[in-house]
Amino acid sequence: MESTANSNLIPAPVTAAISEFLKSAKPKTHRTIFDLLFNGYLRIACAIVLFKFFPNPAIYLLAIYVVTSGMGVLVNLAHESQHSTLLKDKRWNDFVGAWLCAYPVGSIWGSSRAVHLAHHKYLNTTADPDRHFHDEQDKSDPIQFALYLIKLVLGGQVWTSIVVNGFLRAKESASNAAQHESIVAMPRRAYPEILNLLPVQAAVFAIFWLVTGFWWAYFALWLIPIFTLGTLLGYVRGFIDHARLADDDALRSEGRLVSVPYPSVIDRLFFTGLEFHFHAEHHLFPTVPHYYLPELHKILQSDEQYCRRYLLRTSYTSFLSDYFKQISRGEKSRITERVYERAKEA
């Protein structure tokens, strides 16, 4: 039997200060346009044009990095739309999030939304569909962790992203719906949503060919970043956002809520996208757009009932270093062990 209780994510009482903040923390259309066009697509366009005029191995590697960072912005904006915080109008929120953010980077928006909302609901339980992101059990020694990273950079998540989210989850949700057992409530559609990727990817293919003059540019500058570096950084960040160390404070780490208020330069280059390094704040109040999260962080840190509910990390890179040292010594998170023991007993 799976454990689905997660008392740590039950919100503490909303104070007057938080209530007042939430009233004003609404989506801004101009900020979404700026993030989409300048932080996302302009960055990608610059990388493509740079490679067009200087098609050599060094510039190719630079272009891969820049394209991946632009993709990261689109992924974060798609994530924002899944919480209906991208645009005020729901129809435009869903359309822009799906067709301009998710589908171009190969993400199946509706399926991903269902999985992600279930992740929020069941975080830190065995029912969390994204548990493989932050589960330390299969990353508990250096060899396991290294193999996991190698799998990611070699496209090892293609099966999960395309086949599982594109087809299998929809069938599983439909079969479980009659028994009211669906943890991931997939949207009902007249046809598989994955088919929406086809015209979008065809358009991306044509644009890359037209701009660069190389028919293979789509594969080299788009698909390779999606399934290698993009997948690696996305999954590693997902791990850091919720993983725990053996010496973490028991109370603050119980709910797997983590924020990195002051990311390092390396963090910003490879891991952080927009302001989602305030990840605990996002989980506690997921209806708050990303550009309000720094302000929300200050409010919650000044409130004892909230600041004691989550961990603050020094940086993403320092956590990876500490975690590798921990598993090299054969240590595991004591809290993780207790959670798994309780799940087995249940």
Protein backbone atom coordinates (compact mmCIF):
# COMPACT_ATOMS: atom_id res chain seq x y z
CA MET A 1 0.00 0.00 0.00
CA GLU A 2 1.41 3.39 -1.01
CA SER A 3 1.81 6.16 1.50
CA THR A 4 -0.01 9.28 0.32
CA ALA A 5 -0.17 11.34 3.49
CA ASN A 6 1.98 14.44 3.58
CA SER A 7 1.19 16.54 6.61
CA ASN A 8 4.31 18.67 6.09
CA LEU A 9 2.76 20.36 3.08
CA ILE A 10 -0.39 21.40 4.94
CA PRO A 11 -0.08 25.20 4.83
CA ALA A 12 0.48 27.05 8.04
CA PRO A 13 -2.11 29.75 8.81
CA VAL A 14 -1.95 32.58 6.28
CA THR A 15 -0.97 35.75 8.09
CA ALA A 16 -2.23 39.22 7.23
CA ALA A 17 1.11 40.04 5.55
CA ILE A 18 0.98 36.94 3.36
CA SER A 19 -2.68 37.50 2.53
CA GLU A 20 -1.98 41.06 1.44
CA PHE A 21 0.97 39.89 -0.64
CA LEU A 22 -1.06 37.17 -2.40
CA LYS A 23 -3.69 39.72 -3.45
CA SER A 24 -1.11 41.64 -5.47
CA ALA A 25 1.00 38.68 -6.69
CA LYS A 26 -0.85 38.21 -9.98
CA PRO A 27 0.47 37.38 -13.47
CA LYS A 28 1.92 40.27 -15.49
CA THR A 29 1.43 40.01 -19.25
CA HIS A 30 4.38 42.25 -20.08
CA ARG A 31 6.70 40.15 -17.92
CA THR A 32 5.58 36.96 -19.66
CA ILE A 33 6.21 38.51 -23.08
CA PHE A 34 9.67 39.64 -21.98
CA ASP A 35 10.58 36.23 -20.55
CA LEU A 36 9.27 34.38 -23.60
CA LEU A 37 10.80 36.55 -26.30
CA PHE A 38 14.01 37.86 -24.73
CA ASN A 39 15.01 35.37 -22.03
CA GLY A 40 13.86 32.42 -24.13
CA TYR A 41 13.66 32.76 -27.90
CA LEU A 42 16.14 35.61 -28.43
CA ARG A 43 18.78 33.62 -26.56
CA ILE A 44 18.12 30.60 -28.78
CA ALA A 45 18.12 32.74 -31.94
CA CYS A 46 21.50 34.26 -31.06
CA ALA A 47 23.01 30.79 -30.68
CA ILE A 48 21.64 29.66 -34.05
CA VAL A 49 22.88 32.76 -35.89
CA LEU A 50 26.29 32.50 -34.22
CA PHE A 51 26.66 28.92 -35.41
CA LYS A 52 25.48 29.88 -38.91
CA PHE A 53 28.36 32.33 -39.34
CA PHE A 54 30.97 30.36 -37.36
CA PRO A 55 30.19 26.65 -37.87
CA ASN A 56 33.10 25.11 -35.97
CA PRO A 57 33.28 22.67 -33.03
CA ALA A 58 33.99 25.33 -30.37
CA ILE A 59 31.07 27.51 -31.44
CA TYR A 60 28.88 24.43 -31.70
CA LEU A 61 29.50 23.58 -28.04
CA LEU A 62 28.79 27.18 -27.05
CA ALA A 63 25.60 27.12 -29.12
CA ILE A 64 24.51 23.89 -27.43
CA TYR A 65 24.90 25.54 -24.04
CA VAL A 66 23.07 28.75 -25.03
CA VAL A 67 20.23 26.85 -26.71
CA THR A 68 19.90 24.65 -23.62
CA SER A 69 19.68 27.69 -21.34
CA GLY A 70 16.99 29.19 -23.57
CA MET A 71 15.11 25.90 -23.47
CA GLY A 72 15.34 25.98 -19.69
CA VAL A 73 13.47 29.30 -19.71
CA LEU A 74 10.75 27.83 -21.97
CA VAL A 75 10.44 24.79 -19.69
CA ASN A 76 10.05 27.05 -16.66
CA LEU A 77 7.42 29.16 -18.44
CA ALA A 78 5.54 26.00 -19.41
CA HIS A 79 5.70 24.98 -15.76
CA GLU A 80 4.36 28.41 -14.80
CA SER A 81 1.42 27.94 -17.17
CA GLN A 82 0.65 24.54 -15.61
CA HIS A 83 -0.06 26.42 -12.38
CA SER A 84 -2.11 29.01 -14.33
CA THR A 85 0.30 31.78 -13.33
CA LEU A 86 1.70 32.64 -16.79
CA LEU A 87 -1.19 34.80 -18.00
CA LYS A 88 -4.40 35.98 -16.37
CA ASP A 89 -6.65 34.66 -19.14
CA LYS A 90 -6.80 30.87 -18.77
CA ARG A 91 -7.22 30.17 -22.49
CA TRP A 92 -4.18 32.24 -23.39
CA ASN A 93 -2.28 30.86 -20.41
CA ASP A 94 -2.82 27.30 -21.60
CA PHE A 95 -2.26 28.09 -25.29
CA VAL A 96 1.01 29.97 -24.80
CA GLY A 97 2.24 27.47 -22.21
CA ALA A 98 1.56 24.51 -24.47
CA TRP A 99 2.22 25.72 -28.02
CA LEU A 100 4.96 28.30 -27.49
CA CYS A 101 6.75 26.86 -24.46
CA ALA A 102 6.19 23.12 -23.97
CA TYR A 103 5.68 21.60 -27.43
CA PRO A 104 8.76 23.30 -28.96
CA VAL A 105 11.01 21.64 -26.36
CA GLY A 106 9.33 18.24 -26.73
CA SER A 107 7.25 18.41 -23.55
CA ILE A 108 3.68 17.08 -23.63
CA TRP A 109 2.00 19.94 -21.79
CA GLY A 110 -1.28 18.40 -20.57
CA SER A 111 0.30 15.14 -19.48
CA SER A 112 3.20 16.95 -17.86
CA ARG A 113 0.76 19.23 -16.03
CA ALA A 114 -1.17 16.28 -14.61
CA VAL A 115 2.04 14.64 -13.41
CA HIS A 116 3.40 17.86 -11.96
CA LEU A 117 0.25 18.74 -10.02
CA ALA A 118 0.26 15.21 -8.58
CA HIS A 119 3.90 15.80 -7.60
CA HIS A 120 2.85 18.89 -5.67
CA LYS A 121 0.01 17.04 -3.99
CA TYR A 122 1.97 13.91 -3.03
CA LEU A 123 5.49 15.28 -2.52
CA ASN A 124 7.51 13.26 0.00
CA THR A 125 5.24 10.23 -0.32
CA THR A 126 5.58 7.01 -2.29
CA ALA A 127 2.66 8.18 -4.47
CA ASP A 128 4.63 11.12 -5.91
CA PRO A 129 4.95 10.39 -9.68
CA ASP A 130 8.15 12.47 -9.78
CA ARG A 131 9.76 10.61 -6.87
CA HIS A 132 12.50 9.33 -9.19
CA PHE A 133 13.74 12.95 -9.46
CA HIS A 134 14.71 13.21 -5.81
CA ASP A 135 14.80 9.61 -4.59
CA GLU A 136 18.20 9.02 -2.98
CA GLN A 137 17.74 5.25 -2.85
CA ASP A 138 18.95 4.67 -6.43
CA LYS A 139 21.72 7.29 -6.10
CA SER A 140 23.14 6.16 -2.76
CA ASP A 141 26.72 5.36 -3.80
CA PRO A 142 29.15 7.01 -6.26
CA ILE A 143 28.76 4.34 -8.94
CA GLN A 144 24.96 4.49 -8.83
CA PHE A 145 25.02 8.27 -8.99
CA ALA A 146 27.53 8.32 -11.86
CA LEU A 147 25.49 5.78 -13.85
CA TYR A 148 22.38 7.85 -13.26
CA LEU A 149 24.09 10.96 -14.64
CA ILE A 150 25.45 9.03 -17.63
CA LYS A 151 21.96 7.70 -18.36
CA LEU A 152 20.58 11.24 -18.35
CA VAL A 153 23.21 12.70 -20.66
CA LEU A 154 22.72 9.79 -23.09
CA GLY A 155 19.01 10.45 -23.40
CA GLY A 156 17.88 7.85 -20.92
CA GLN A 157 14.65 9.70 -20.14
CA VAL A 158 13.25 9.54 -23.68
CA TRP A 159 11.10 6.54 -22.75
CA THR A 160 9.58 8.35 -19.75
CA SER A 161 9.09 11.67 -21.55
CA ILE A 162 7.65 10.37 -24.80
CA VAL A 163 6.21 6.89 -24.30
CA VAL A 164 5.12 6.97 -20.64
CA ASN A 165 3.82 10.54 -20.55
CA GLY A 166 2.64 10.48 -24.15
CA PHE A 167 0.68 7.22 -24.16
CA LEU A 168 0.90 4.94 -21.11
CA ARG A 169 -0.22 7.42 -18.44
CA ALA A 170 -3.34 8.31 -20.42
CA LYS A 171 -4.34 4.67 -20.72
CA GLU A 172 -3.57 4.02 -17.05
CA SER A 173 -5.58 7.06 -15.97
CA ALA A 174 -8.57 6.02 -18.08
CA SER A 175 -8.56 2.47 -16.66
CA ASN A 176 -8.21 3.72 -13.08
CA ALA A 177 -10.81 6.47 -13.42
CA ALA A 178 -13.68 4.01 -13.15
CA GLN A 179 -12.26 2.78 -9.85
CA HIS A 180 -11.49 6.32 -8.64
CA GLU A 181 -7.83 5.38 -8.11
CA SER A 182 -6.14 7.88 -10.43
CA ILE A 183 -3.33 9.69 -8.67
CA VAL A 184 -2.32 11.36 -11.94
CA ALA A 185 -5.56 12.69 -13.43
CA MET A 186 -4.76 12.87 -17.14
CA PRO A 187 -6.88 15.23 -19.27
CA ARG A 188 -9.38 13.61 -21.63
CA ARG A 189 -8.57 14.28 -25.27
CA ALA A 190 -10.02 13.30 -28.63
CA TYR A 191 -6.54 12.24 -29.78
CA PRO A 192 -3.14 11.66 -28.11
CA GLU A 193 -1.66 15.02 -27.17
CA ILE A 194 1.75 13.89 -28.33
CA LEU A 195 0.52 14.43 -31.90
CA ASN A 196 0.55 18.18 -31.22
CA LEU A 197 4.31 17.97 -31.14
CA LEU A 198 4.48 16.99 -34.80
CA PRO A 199 3.50 20.31 -36.46
CA VAL A 200 5.50 22.28 -33.91
CA GLN A 201 8.64 20.22 -34.39
CA ALA A 202 8.17 20.38 -38.17
CA ALA A 203 8.06 24.17 -37.90
CA VAL A 204 11.21 24.20 -35.74
CA PHE A 205 12.95 21.93 -38.28
CA ALA A 206 12.04 24.29 -41.13
CA ILE A 207 13.16 27.41 -39.23
CA PHE A 208 16.53 25.88 -38.34
CA TRP A 209 17.12 24.78 -41.94
CA LEU A 210 16.03 28.16 -43.33
CA VAL A 211 18.16 30.21 -40.94
CA THR A 212 21.35 28.14 -41.01
CA GLY A 213 21.19 26.58 -44.46
CA PHE A 214 21.98 23.19 -42.88
CA TRP A 215 19.24 20.54 -43.02
CA TRP A 216 20.81 18.81 -40.02
CA ALA A 217 20.82 21.91 -37.80
CA TYR A 218 17.53 20.88 -36.15
CA PHE A 219 19.04 17.58 -35.02
CA ALA A 220 22.40 19.03 -33.96
CA LEU A 221 21.21 22.23 -32.30
CA TRP A 222 17.76 21.27 -31.05
CA LEU A 223 17.20 17.56 -30.47
CA ILE A 224 20.66 16.87 -29.07
CA PRO A 225 20.34 19.63 -26.41
CA ILE A 226 16.84 18.42 -25.47
CA PHE A 227 17.82 14.82 -24.87
CA THR A 228 21.35 15.31 -23.49
CA LEU A 229 22.40 18.46 -21.64
CA GLY A 230 18.85 19.74 -21.19
CA THR A 231 17.69 16.45 -19.68
CA LEU A 232 20.80 16.17 -17.49
CA LEU A 233 20.52 19.66 -15.99
CA GLY A 234 16.76 19.45 -15.57
CA TYR A 235 16.83 16.17 -13.70
CA VAL A 236 19.85 17.10 -11.57
CA ARG A 237 18.11 20.33 -10.58
CA GLY A 238 14.97 18.35 -9.78
CA PHE A 239 17.06 16.14 -7.53
CA ILE A 240 18.67 19.05 -5.70
CA ASP A 241 15.31 20.80 -5.23
CA HIS A 242 14.08 18.01 -2.95
CA ALA A 243 16.99 15.75 -1.96
CA ARG A 244 18.29 15.54 1.61
CA LEU A 245 21.63 15.14 3.32
CA ALA A 246 22.32 12.89 6.30
CA ASP A 247 22.98 15.86 8.58
CA ASP A 248 20.05 18.04 7.47
CA ASP A 249 17.91 19.51 10.22
CA ALA A 250 15.18 16.92 10.88
CA LEU A 251 12.31 19.40 11.17
CA ARG A 252 13.19 21.64 8.26
CA SER A 253 13.93 18.76 5.87
CA GLU A 254 10.98 16.53 6.73
CA GLY A 255 8.86 17.83 3.85
CA ARG A 256 11.63 17.85 1.21
CA LEU A 257 11.22 21.58 0.63
CA VAL A 258 14.45 23.31 -0.39
CA SER A 259 15.38 26.81 -1.56
CA VAL A 260 18.68 28.30 -2.73
CA PRO A 261 18.25 32.04 -2.08
CA TYR A 262 21.68 33.11 -3.33
CA PRO A 263 22.75 30.84 -6.19
CA SER A 264 26.37 31.02 -7.28
CA VAL A 265 27.53 32.11 -10.73
CA ILE A 266 27.89 28.46 -11.75
CA ASP A 267 24.38 27.77 -10.42
CA ARG A 268 22.99 30.58 -12.55
CA LEU A 269 24.85 29.36 -15.61
CA PHE A 270 23.66 25.77 -15.39
CA PHE A 271 20.84 25.19 -12.91
CA THR A 272 18.66 28.16 -12.12
CA GLY A 273 15.93 29.28 -14.48
CA LEU A 274 14.16 32.54 -13.72
CA GLU A 275 13.47 32.64 -9.94
CA PHE A 276 12.59 29.01 -9.32
CA HIS A 277 15.60 28.52 -7.07
CA PHE A 278 13.05 29.69 -4.47
CA HIS A 279 11.58 26.25 -4.89
CA ALA A 280 10.20 25.77 -1.38
CA GLU A 281 8.30 29.03 -1.63
CA HIS A 282 6.87 27.84 -4.93
CA HIS A 283 5.63 24.60 -3.36
CA LEU A 284 4.08 26.39 -0.40
CA PHE A 285 2.32 28.94 -2.63
CA PRO A 286 2.29 27.56 -6.22
CA THR A 287 -0.10 30.26 -7.50
CA VAL A 288 2.61 32.93 -7.09
CA PRO A 289 4.38 33.86 -10.38
CA HIS A 290 8.15 33.36 -10.38
CA TYR A 291 9.08 37.05 -10.31
CA TYR A 292 7.31 37.46 -6.95
CA LEU A 293 9.13 34.57 -5.28
CA PRO A 294 12.08 36.63 -3.93
CA GLU A 295 9.61 38.90 -2.12
CA LEU A 296 7.64 35.89 -0.87
CA HIS A 297 10.91 34.41 0.43
CA LYS A 298 11.53 37.50 2.59
CA ILE A 299 8.00 37.37 3.99
CA LEU A 300 8.19 33.66 4.85
CA GLN A 301 11.65 33.92 6.38
CA SER A 302 10.38 36.59 8.75
CA ASP A 303 7.61 34.22 9.89
CA GLU A 304 8.78 31.46 12.25
CA GLN A 305 5.92 29.10 11.39
CA TYR A 306 7.02 29.10 7.75
CA CYS A 307 10.81 29.43 7.82
CA ARG A 308 11.13 26.31 9.97
CA ARG A 309 9.27 24.27 7.36
CA TYR A 310 12.00 24.25 4.72
CA LEU A 311 15.73 24.11 4.13
CA LEU A 312 18.02 26.79 2.72
CA ARG A 313 21.02 25.59 0.72
CA THR A 314 24.17 27.61 0.12
CA SER A 315 24.24 26.68 -3.57
CA TYR A 316 23.36 23.89 -5.97
CA THR A 317 27.00 23.06 -6.57
CA SER A 318 27.87 22.93 -2.85
CA PHE A 319 24.98 20.50 -2.29
CA LEU A 320 26.26 18.22 -5.06
CA SER A 321 29.72 18.29 -3.49
CA ASP A 322 28.32 17.52 -0.02
CA TYR A 323 26.09 14.78 -1.35
CA PHE A 324 28.92 13.10 -3.24
CA LYS A 325 31.11 13.17 -0.11
CA GLN A 326 28.25 11.68 1.88
CA ILE A 327 27.61 8.74 -0.46
CA SER A 328 31.35 8.21 -0.83
CA ARG A 329 31.43 7.60 2.93
CA GLY A 330 28.52 5.20 2.64
CA GLU A 331 26.12 7.45 4.55
CA LYS A 332 22.42 7.87 3.79
CA SER A 333 19.89 10.41 4.93
CA ARG A 334 18.47 9.26 8.25
CA ILE A 335 15.22 10.97 7.39
CA THR A 336 15.00 9.15 4.08
CA GLU A 337 15.53 5.84 5.83
CA ARG A 338 12.70 6.60 8.28
CA VAL A 339 10.33 7.56 5.47
CA TYR A 340 11.00 4.32 3.62
CA GLU A 341 10.64 2.25 6.76
CA ARG A 342 7.25 3.85 7.44
CA ALA A 343 6.19 3.22 3.83
CA LYS A 344 7.15 -0.46 4.10
CA GLU A 345 5.23 -0.82 7.35
CA ALA A 346 2.15 0.80 5.75
